[in-house]
Protein backbone atom coordinates (compact mmCIF):
# COMPACT_ATOMS: atom_id res chain seq x y z
CA MET A 1 -64.72 -28.43 0.68
CA ALA A 2 -62.07 -28.45 -1.97
CA GLY A 3 -59.01 -26.30 -2.35
CA LYS A 4 -57.58 -24.62 -5.42
CA ILE A 5 -53.95 -23.66 -5.98
CA VAL A 6 -53.14 -20.64 -8.15
CA ILE A 7 -49.49 -20.23 -9.20
CA ASP A 8 -48.10 -17.23 -11.10
CA MET A 9 -46.25 -19.42 -13.60
CA GLU A 10 -44.47 -16.50 -15.28
CA ARG A 11 -42.79 -15.52 -11.99
CA CYS A 12 -42.06 -19.08 -10.82
CA LYS A 13 -38.39 -20.15 -10.89
CA GLY A 14 -39.15 -23.87 -10.67
CA CYS A 15 -37.35 -24.55 -7.38
CA GLY A 16 -39.68 -27.50 -6.69
CA LEU A 17 -40.21 -26.78 -2.99
CA CYS A 18 -44.00 -26.67 -3.41
CA VAL A 19 -43.88 -29.97 -5.29
CA ALA A 20 -41.96 -31.57 -2.42
CA VAL A 21 -44.28 -30.41 0.38
CA CYS A 22 -47.67 -31.06 -1.23
CA PRO A 23 -49.17 -34.02 0.67
CA LYS A 24 -51.63 -34.79 -2.14
CA LYS A 25 -49.06 -34.43 -4.98
CA ASN A 26 -51.21 -31.76 -6.65
CA ILE A 27 -48.28 -29.75 -7.98
CA ALA A 28 -45.83 -30.81 -10.68
CA VAL A 29 -43.06 -29.17 -12.67
CA SER A 30 -44.27 -28.03 -16.08
CA ARG A 31 -42.75 -29.49 -19.24
CA GLU A 32 -42.78 -26.04 -20.85
CA SER A 33 -40.61 -23.14 -19.77
CA ASN A 34 -41.92 -19.69 -18.91
CA LYS A 35 -40.73 -16.45 -20.55
CA ASN A 36 -37.69 -16.38 -18.21
CA GLY A 37 -36.56 -19.87 -19.22
CA TYR A 38 -37.57 -21.60 -15.97
CA PHE A 39 -39.73 -24.71 -15.79
CA PRO A 40 -42.43 -23.49 -13.37
CA ALA A 41 -44.60 -25.38 -10.95
CA GLN A 42 -48.05 -26.20 -12.25
CA ALA A 43 -51.13 -26.98 -10.13
CA LYS A 44 -53.22 -30.05 -10.95
CA ASN A 45 -55.98 -29.10 -8.44
CA VAL A 46 -57.22 -32.66 -8.01
CA GLY A 47 -58.03 -33.48 -4.40
CA CYS A 48 -56.46 -30.32 -2.96
CA THR A 49 -57.31 -29.88 0.72
CA ALA A 50 -56.14 -26.24 0.94
CA CYS A 51 -53.47 -27.13 3.52
CA THR A 52 -51.46 -24.03 2.37
CA GLN A 53 -48.08 -25.76 2.71
CA CYS A 54 -47.16 -24.83 -0.86
CA ALA A 55 -47.89 -21.13 -0.28
CA VAL A 56 -45.95 -21.10 2.97
CA VAL A 57 -42.81 -22.71 1.51
CA CYS A 58 -42.70 -20.69 -1.74
CA PRO A 59 -39.62 -18.41 -1.61
CA GLU A 60 -41.05 -16.12 -4.30
CA GLY A 61 -44.46 -15.74 -2.62
CA ILE A 62 -46.35 -16.42 -5.84
CA ILE A 63 -48.74 -19.17 -4.74
CA GLU A 64 -52.28 -18.43 -3.64
CA VAL A 65 -54.51 -21.09 -2.08
CA LEU A 66 -58.28 -20.79 -2.29
CA LEU A 67 -60.91 -22.77 -0.40
CA GLU A 68 -64.08 -23.53 -2.35
CA GLU A 69 -67.07 -23.41 -0.04
CA PRO A 70 -70.62 -24.19 -1.18
CA ASP A 71 -71.63 -20.53 -1.56
CA ARG A 72 -68.30 -18.76 -2.12
CA LEU A 73 -64.57 -18.96 -2.82
CA ARG A 74 -62.36 -17.86 0.08
CA ILE A 75 -58.63 -16.99 -0.01
CA VAL A 76 -56.82 -19.10 2.58
CA ALA A 77 -53.20 -18.13 1.91
CA THR A 78 -51.57 -15.52 -0.25
CA ALA A 79 -48.26 -13.69 -0.41
CA ALA A 80 -47.82 -10.39 1.40
CA LYS A 81 -48.19 -7.34 -0.80
CA LYS A 82 -45.29 -4.92 -1.28
CA ASP A 83 -47.08 -2.10 0.56
CA THR A 84 -47.85 -4.07 3.75
CA PRO A 85 -45.97 -2.90 6.85
CA HIS A 86 -43.00 -5.00 7.95
CA LEU A 87 -41.62 -5.57 11.42
CA VAL A 88 -38.11 -4.75 10.19
CA GLU A 89 -37.58 -1.44 8.43
CA GLU A 90 -36.01 -1.72 5.01
CA LYS A 91 -32.93 0.35 4.16
CA ARG A 92 -33.38 2.79 1.31
């Protein structure tokens, strides 16, 4: 089974944390900037094991990891949505 990393490159700030934690070195910093002027992380998706370390460490929560199984594609890790309940109530 192979993994696939999906990064929202327009929202990425290029901090490089995902690049540092990827055990297979499947993520690199892009040579082109996004619309905000950051050089975002870019997935190579070669030999990804879907370990989800990149998604866990991402401070922006913009990395999604998928696991390709023979008959389907399954989401392994994704960022929490804005409307999900939180343990700590936000001030308004």
